[in-house]
Amino acid sequence: MTSSSVEQHRRAGERAAGLGPASVAICAYTMRRWDDLTEAVGSVLAQLRTGDECLLVIDYNDELLARASAEFARYDAVRVVANAQTKGLSGARNTAIAGSRGGVVAFLDDDAVAGPTWLGEVLAALGETDVLAVGTAALPRWPDGRRPAWFPPEFDWVVGCSYGGLPTERADVRNVIGAAMAFRRVAFELAGTFSDLVGRVGTTPTGCEETELCIRLRVAKADARIVYLPDVAVSHHVTADRLRVSYFLRRCLGEGLSKARVSRLVGADAGLSSERSYVSGVLPRALRRELGRALRGRLAGLGAAALIVTGVACAGLGYLRGRVTPGGGP
């Protein structure tokens, strides 16, 4: 490591220390992810500093609450609590915010594993006074270790991961990715917490609650920075059931519905600003690439091209449905 790198790390450590203790929240709702959950907690415990905590929020599942309470009781840094607010991911996250002690509240999905320097890198970025939220990359961990040839990278958001079209270097962004994100506590004081009008409840494939919150944060404080760190990553488990075309299309439909709800809350200009460039720029390039693969004899390229087109169509249909019947489900 060069002397300049050492100095950069020293300064980053000083910034992180100035934030005080951190709370890392993991929200869980199903026993089916028990092995993933224990792996997620273990990855966080390995990098907590003195005074930091891991807050495990159980979303309306008494069996999971009892097992988690017993399993993690031996760790002083882990607290297990029940979701005390609206059922679903937004309510669970808000329970974490209300019950946490840290000056920073970070969130890790219950089926994700944090890289060994994840928390330190996040805290270092938040140590910059104008940065109020930080997101990191979420890399898919495919069932057999390889990306399915028919699954276009630009749609990795379908499985909760970073997707083709996001910045490849550190950059300011509109919103973070929910699988691995962190906020200064002041962000919630400025903008409020996660809206329960958007977000996932159980297996219903909707979301965007972090998008809506980040937009509100920028409205509350125009000079607030939300930073994406593509070189800092978590590994996000992708289950086999999420590699079915039926799930892909349901998730796209749910995303469109979620975007409609966000647009109703914050306005279409802010709610769709990133999506316009994604649809007009990122996806046409992806479509040309996949059609090129098909022309070279790779039939999986034809399948990926078809999914790009049908995915956009389903998202558009979901958006229209959400605008016409805002209370409707996917």
Protein backbone atom coordinates (compact mmCIF):
# COMPACT_ATOMS: atom_id res chain seq x y z
CA MET A 1 0.00 0.00 0.00
CA THR A 2 1.40 3.40 -0.95
CA SER A 3 1.79 6.26 1.51
CA SER A 4 -1.08 8.12 -0.17
CA SER A 5 -3.33 5.06 0.19
CA VAL A 6 -2.42 4.75 3.85
CA GLU A 7 -3.31 8.40 4.37
CA GLN A 8 -6.64 7.97 2.58
CA HIS A 9 -7.52 4.99 4.77
CA ARG A 10 -6.51 6.89 7.90
CA ARG A 11 -8.73 9.83 6.99
CA ALA A 12 -11.60 7.49 6.10
CA GLY A 13 -11.25 5.84 9.50
CA GLU A 14 -11.35 9.21 11.22
CA ARG A 15 -14.51 10.19 9.36
CA ALA A 16 -16.16 6.89 10.24
CA ALA A 17 -15.23 7.22 13.90
CA GLY A 18 -16.88 10.65 14.02
CA LEU A 19 -20.26 9.12 13.23
CA GLY A 20 -20.44 7.21 16.50
CA PRO A 21 -21.86 3.67 16.80
CA ALA A 22 -23.56 2.02 13.86
CA SER A 23 -26.68 -0.14 13.83
CA VAL A 24 -26.97 -2.79 11.13
CA ALA A 25 -30.56 -3.95 10.65
CA ILE A 26 -31.51 -7.26 9.08
CA CYS A 27 -35.23 -7.79 8.51
CA ALA A 28 -36.55 -11.36 8.18
CA TYR A 29 -39.98 -12.90 7.71
CA THR A 30 -39.65 -16.60 6.82
CA MET A 31 -38.09 -19.78 8.24
CA ARG A 32 -37.23 -20.84 4.70
CA ARG A 33 -34.27 -18.45 4.76
CA TRP A 34 -32.89 -19.56 8.11
CA ASP A 35 -29.50 -20.65 6.75
CA ASP A 36 -29.23 -17.41 4.75
CA LEU A 37 -30.17 -15.40 7.82
CA THR A 38 -27.50 -16.93 10.02
CA GLU A 39 -24.93 -16.33 7.29
CA ALA A 40 -26.03 -12.70 6.97
CA VAL A 41 -25.77 -12.11 10.72
CA GLY A 42 -22.37 -13.78 10.82
CA SER A 43 -21.04 -11.55 8.07
CA VAL A 44 -22.10 -8.46 10.04
CA LEU A 45 -20.79 -9.66 13.41
CA ALA A 46 -17.35 -10.15 11.91
CA GLN A 47 -16.96 -6.42 11.27
CA LEU A 48 -18.82 -4.64 14.07
CA ARG A 49 -16.78 -2.18 16.10
CA THR A 50 -17.08 -1.63 19.83
CA GLY A 51 -20.49 -0.07 20.45
CA ASP A 52 -21.96 -1.16 17.11
CA GLU A 53 -24.99 -3.46 17.04
CA CYS A 54 -26.82 -5.86 14.76
CA LEU A 55 -30.58 -5.48 15.04
CA LEU A 56 -32.60 -8.43 13.75
CA VAL A 57 -36.24 -7.51 13.09
CA ILE A 58 -38.70 -10.39 12.66
CA ASP A 59 -41.75 -9.54 10.57
CA TYR A 60 -44.83 -11.18 12.12
CA ASN A 61 -43.51 -14.75 12.40
CA ASP A 62 -43.62 -16.11 15.96
CA GLU A 63 -41.72 -19.30 15.12
CA LEU A 64 -38.88 -17.36 13.52
CA LEU A 65 -38.86 -14.86 16.37
CA ALA A 66 -38.51 -17.63 18.97
CA ARG A 67 -35.77 -19.44 17.08
CA ALA A 68 -33.80 -16.28 16.33
CA SER A 69 -34.09 -15.09 19.93
CA ALA A 70 -32.68 -18.40 21.16
CA GLU A 71 -29.98 -18.71 18.49
CA PHE A 72 -28.52 -15.23 18.79
CA ALA A 73 -28.91 -14.72 22.55
CA ARG A 74 -25.23 -15.59 23.01
CA TYR A 75 -24.10 -12.55 21.06
CA ASP A 76 -24.06 -9.32 23.06
CA ALA A 77 -24.01 -7.25 19.87
CA VAL A 78 -27.21 -8.82 18.46
CA ARG A 79 -30.71 -7.78 19.46
CA VAL A 80 -33.76 -9.63 18.16
CA VAL A 81 -37.06 -7.73 18.10
CA ALA A 82 -40.49 -8.16 16.55
CA ASN A 83 -41.81 -5.80 13.93
CA ALA A 84 -43.94 -3.37 15.94
CA GLN A 85 -45.30 -1.49 12.94
CA THR A 86 -47.15 -2.32 9.73
CA LYS A 87 -46.53 -5.82 8.43
CA GLY A 88 -44.00 -5.86 5.60
CA LEU A 89 -40.50 -4.69 4.86
CA SER A 90 -41.18 -0.97 5.33
CA GLY A 91 -42.70 -1.55 8.77
CA ALA A 92 -39.82 -3.83 9.77
CA ARG A 93 -37.25 -1.27 8.66
CA ASN A 94 -39.08 1.47 10.53
CA THR A 95 -39.08 -0.71 13.65
CA ALA A 96 -35.31 -0.96 13.25
CA ILE A 97 -34.95 2.80 12.92
CA ALA A 98 -37.05 3.42 16.01
CA GLY A 99 -35.27 0.81 18.12
CA SER A 100 -31.68 1.31 16.96
CA ARG A 101 -29.06 3.27 18.87
CA GLY A 102 -26.56 4.12 16.16
CA GLY A 103 -25.86 7.44 14.49
CA VAL A 104 -25.85 5.40 11.28
CA VAL A 105 -28.52 2.84 10.43
CA ALA A 106 -27.48 0.32 7.79
CA PHE A 107 -29.69 -2.33 6.21
CA LEU A 108 -28.69 -5.73 4.86
CA ASP A 109 -31.12 -8.20 3.31
CA ASP A 110 -31.63 -11.45 5.18
CA ASP A 111 -30.38 -13.43 2.16
CA ALA A 112 -27.26 -11.34 1.59
CA VAL A 113 -23.71 -11.67 2.90
CA ALA A 114 -21.68 -8.55 3.53
CA GLY A 115 -18.15 -8.40 2.21
CA PRO A 116 -15.43 -8.23 4.89
CA THR A 117 -14.94 -4.45 4.61
CA TRP A 118 -18.56 -3.55 3.80
CA LEU A 119 -19.45 -1.71 7.00
CA GLY A 120 -16.16 0.17 7.24
CA GLU A 121 -16.40 1.37 3.63
CA VAL A 122 -20.00 2.49 4.12
CA LEU A 123 -19.14 4.39 7.30
CA ALA A 124 -16.16 6.03 5.63
CA ALA A 125 -18.38 7.32 2.81
CA LEU A 126 -20.99 8.58 5.27
CA GLY A 127 -18.22 10.37 7.14
CA GLU A 128 -18.32 13.02 4.43
CA THR A 129 -20.65 15.60 5.95
CA ASP A 130 -22.87 16.12 2.89
CA VAL A 131 -23.40 12.38 2.29
CA LEU A 132 -26.59 11.24 3.99
CA ALA A 133 -27.14 7.87 2.31
CA VAL A 134 -24.88 5.24 0.79
CA GLY A 135 -25.66 2.20 -1.32
CA THR A 136 -23.33 -0.61 -2.27
CA ALA A 137 -23.35 -3.22 -5.00
CA ALA A 138 -25.38 -6.40 -4.53
CA LEU A 139 -23.86 -9.19 -6.61
CA PRO A 140 -26.01 -12.20 -7.51
CA ARG A 141 -25.02 -15.57 -6.10
CA TRP A 142 -26.60 -17.86 -8.67
CA PRO A 143 -27.83 -21.35 -7.64
CA ASP A 144 -25.14 -23.19 -9.64
CA GLY A 145 -22.56 -20.42 -9.49
CA ARG A 146 -23.14 -19.19 -13.02
CA ARG A 147 -25.43 -16.62 -14.59
CA PRO A 148 -28.15 -18.26 -16.69
CA ALA A 149 -27.36 -17.51 -20.33
CA TRP A 150 -30.89 -16.24 -20.92
CA PHE A 151 -30.94 -13.77 -18.01
CA PRO A 152 -29.97 -10.22 -19.16
CA PRO A 153 -27.72 -8.37 -16.64
CA GLU A 154 -29.80 -5.23 -17.08
CA PHE A 155 -32.63 -7.04 -15.28
CA ASP A 156 -30.66 -8.20 -12.24
CA TRP A 157 -32.90 -5.86 -10.21
CA VAL A 158 -35.53 -8.58 -10.68
CA VAL A 159 -33.54 -10.70 -8.19
CA GLY A 160 -32.66 -7.75 -5.93
CA CYS A 161 -29.18 -7.10 -7.29
CA SER A 162 -27.17 -4.37 -8.97
CA TYR A 163 -27.92 -4.32 -12.67
CA GLY A 164 -26.33 -3.33 -15.95
CA GLY A 165 -26.64 0.42 -16.42
CA LEU A 166 -25.65 1.45 -12.90
CA PRO A 167 -22.42 3.47 -12.48
CA THR A 168 -19.23 1.42 -12.56
CA GLU A 169 -17.34 3.98 -10.48
CA ARG A 170 -18.33 5.79 -7.28
CA ALA A 171 -21.08 8.26 -8.15
CA ASP A 172 -23.94 10.31 -6.76
CA VAL A 173 -27.27 8.63 -7.56
CA ARG A 174 -30.98 9.25 -7.10
CA ASN A 175 -31.51 6.27 -4.82
CA VAL A 176 -29.77 3.33 -3.21
CA ILE A 177 -30.48 -0.39 -3.65
CA GLY A 178 -32.39 -1.87 -0.74
CA ALA A 179 -30.30 -5.04 -0.35
CA ALA A 180 -27.34 -3.14 1.13
CA MET A 181 -27.71 0.51 2.13
CA ALA A 182 -27.06 2.89 5.01
CA PHE A 183 -28.30 6.27 6.21
CA ARG A 184 -27.18 8.85 8.68
CA ARG A 185 -29.87 9.09 11.35
CA VAL A 186 -30.40 12.74 10.47
CA ALA A 187 -31.77 11.57 7.10
CA PHE A 188 -34.83 10.15 8.86
CA GLU A 189 -35.21 13.30 10.91
CA LEU A 190 -35.27 15.31 7.68
CA ALA A 191 -37.36 13.08 5.44
CA GLY A 192 -39.20 10.69 7.72
CA THR A 193 -39.03 6.91 7.47
CA PHE A 194 -40.03 4.28 4.90
CA SER A 195 -43.55 4.59 3.54
CA ASP A 196 -45.78 1.57 4.05
CA LEU A 197 -47.68 2.59 0.90
CA VAL A 198 -44.83 1.05 -1.11
CA GLY A 199 -42.55 -1.89 -0.43
CA ARG A 200 -42.66 -5.65 -0.18
CA VAL A 201 -45.03 -7.61 2.04
CA GLY A 202 -43.98 -11.27 2.24
CA THR A 203 -43.44 -12.69 -1.24
CA THR A 204 -45.45 -10.03 -3.10
CA PRO A 205 -42.94 -8.82 -5.75
CA THR A 206 -43.24 -5.07 -5.20
CA GLY A 207 -40.71 -2.64 -3.79
CA CYS A 208 -39.23 0.85 -4.31
CA GLU A 209 -39.63 2.00 -0.71
CA GLU A 210 -35.96 3.03 -0.59
CA THR A 211 -36.39 4.94 -3.87
CA GLU A 212 -39.31 6.93 -2.49
CA LEU A 213 -37.42 7.71 0.73
CA CYS A 214 -34.30 8.87 -1.13
CA ILE A 215 -36.38 11.19 -3.30
CA ARG A 216 -38.03 12.67 -0.20
CA LEU A 217 -34.60 13.13 1.33
CA ARG A 218 -33.41 15.17 -1.63
CA VAL A 219 -36.58 17.26 -1.47
CA ALA A 220 -36.04 17.92 2.24
CA LYS A 221 -32.37 18.80 1.74
CA ALA A 222 -31.46 19.72 -1.82
CA ASP A 223 -27.71 19.44 -1.27
CA ALA A 224 -27.90 16.02 0.37
CA ARG A 225 -25.74 13.48 -1.44
CA ILE A 226 -26.71 9.86 -2.00
CA VAL A 227 -23.66 7.87 -3.07
CA TYR A 228 -23.31 4.51 -4.79
CA LEU A 229 -20.16 2.47 -4.13
CA PRO A 230 -19.89 -0.17 -6.90
CA ASP A 231 -16.56 -1.46 -5.57
CA VAL A 232 -18.11 -2.33 -2.19
CA ALA A 233 -20.37 -5.34 -2.41
CA VAL A 234 -22.56 -7.88 -0.74
CA SER A 235 -23.35 -11.30 -2.14
CA HIS A 236 -27.09 -11.73 -2.67
CA HIS A 237 -28.50 -15.26 -2.77
CA VAL A 238 -30.69 -15.99 -5.80
CA THR A 239 -33.00 -18.94 -5.29
CA ALA A 240 -34.02 -21.26 -8.11
CA ASP A 241 -37.67 -20.18 -7.94
CA ARG A 242 -36.61 -16.66 -8.92
CA LEU A 243 -35.15 -17.96 -12.15
CA ARG A 244 -38.50 -18.88 -13.59
CA VAL A 245 -39.90 -16.79 -16.41
CA SER A 246 -43.18 -16.53 -14.50
CA TYR A 247 -41.41 -14.87 -11.56
CA PHE A 248 -39.47 -12.59 -13.91
CA LEU A 249 -42.68 -11.31 -15.45
CA ARG A 250 -44.50 -11.00 -12.10
CA ARG A 251 -41.58 -9.03 -10.70
CA CYS A 252 -41.59 -6.68 -13.71
CA LEU A 253 -45.33 -6.18 -13.29
CA GLY A 254 -44.80 -5.49 -9.58
CA GLU A 255 -42.02 -3.01 -10.34
CA GLY A 256 -44.31 -1.05 -12.64
CA LEU A 257 -46.98 -1.00 -9.97
CA SER A 258 -44.42 0.20 -7.41
CA LYS A 259 -43.22 2.98 -9.71
CA ALA A 260 -46.80 4.14 -10.11
CA ARG A 261 -47.17 4.33 -6.34
CA VAL A 262 -43.88 6.22 -6.00
CA SER A 263 -44.92 8.64 -8.75
CA ARG A 264 -48.17 9.34 -6.94
CA LEU A 265 -46.25 10.12 -3.75
CA VAL A 266 -43.37 12.21 -5.12
CA GLY A 267 -44.40 13.12 -8.68
CA ALA A 268 -43.62 11.45 -12.01
CA ASP A 269 -40.62 13.68 -12.79
CA ALA A 270 -38.67 12.51 -9.74
CA GLY A 271 -40.24 9.07 -9.59
CA LEU A 272 -39.27 8.13 -13.15
CA SER A 273 -36.13 10.21 -13.79
CA SER A 274 -33.70 7.27 -13.71
CA GLU A 275 -36.15 4.92 -15.41
CA ARG A 276 -36.42 7.14 -18.51
CA SER A 277 -32.69 6.95 -19.22
CA TYR A 278 -32.72 3.24 -18.44
CA VAL A 279 -35.49 2.53 -20.95
CA SER A 280 -34.23 4.91 -23.62
CA GLY A 281 -30.51 4.18 -23.36
CA VAL A 282 -29.55 1.09 -21.36
CA LEU A 283 -32.18 -1.34 -22.66
CA PRO A 284 -31.80 -0.60 -26.41
CA ARG A 285 -28.07 -1.35 -26.09
CA ALA A 286 -28.86 -4.55 -24.23
CA LEU A 287 -31.38 -5.57 -26.89
CA ARG A 288 -28.83 -5.02 -29.67
CA ARG A 289 -26.26 -7.08 -27.76
CA GLU A 290 -28.62 -10.01 -27.25
CA LEU A 291 -29.85 -9.97 -30.84
CA GLY A 292 -26.21 -9.96 -31.91
CA ARG A 293 -25.67 -13.07 -29.78
CA ALA A 294 -28.63 -14.72 -31.45
CA LEU A 295 -27.31 -13.90 -34.92
CA ARG A 296 -24.01 -15.54 -33.97
CA GLY A 297 -25.87 -18.74 -33.18
CA ARG A 298 -26.34 -18.27 -29.42
CA LEU A 299 -30.03 -19.06 -29.02
CA ALA A 300 -29.95 -17.87 -25.41
CA GLY A 301 -29.50 -14.37 -26.83
CA LEU A 302 -32.89 -14.65 -28.48
CA GLY A 303 -34.45 -15.65 -25.19
CA ALA A 304 -32.77 -12.75 -23.38
CA ALA A 305 -33.93 -10.32 -26.08
CA ALA A 306 -37.49 -11.59 -25.72
CA LEU A 307 -37.33 -11.11 -21.94
CA ILE A 308 -36.10 -7.54 -22.33
CA VAL A 309 -39.09 -6.70 -24.52
CA THR A 310 -41.66 -8.54 -22.41
CA GLY A 311 -40.13 -7.25 -19.17
CA VAL A 312 -40.55 -3.66 -20.32
CA ALA A 313 -44.09 -4.42 -21.48
CA CYS A 314 -45.01 -5.96 -18.10
CA ALA A 315 -43.49 -3.06 -16.18
CA GLY A 316 -45.42 -0.63 -18.36
CA LEU A 317 -48.62 -2.56 -17.82
CA GLY A 318 -48.03 -2.55 -14.07
CA TYR A 319 -47.41 1.18 -14.12
CA LEU A 320 -50.62 1.86 -16.02
CA ARG A 321 -52.54 -0.41 -13.69
CA GLY A 322 -51.11 1.39 -10.67
CA ARG A 323 -52.03 4.79 -12.06
CA VAL A 324 -55.61 3.73 -12.80
CA THR A 325 -56.16 1.66 -9.63
CA PRO A 326 -53.55 2.79 -7.08
CA GLY A 327 -54.78 0.36 -4.48
CA GLY A 328 -54.57 -2.65 -6.78
CA GLY A 329 -52.09 -5.45 -6.29
CA PRO A 330 -49.81 -7.14 -8.82
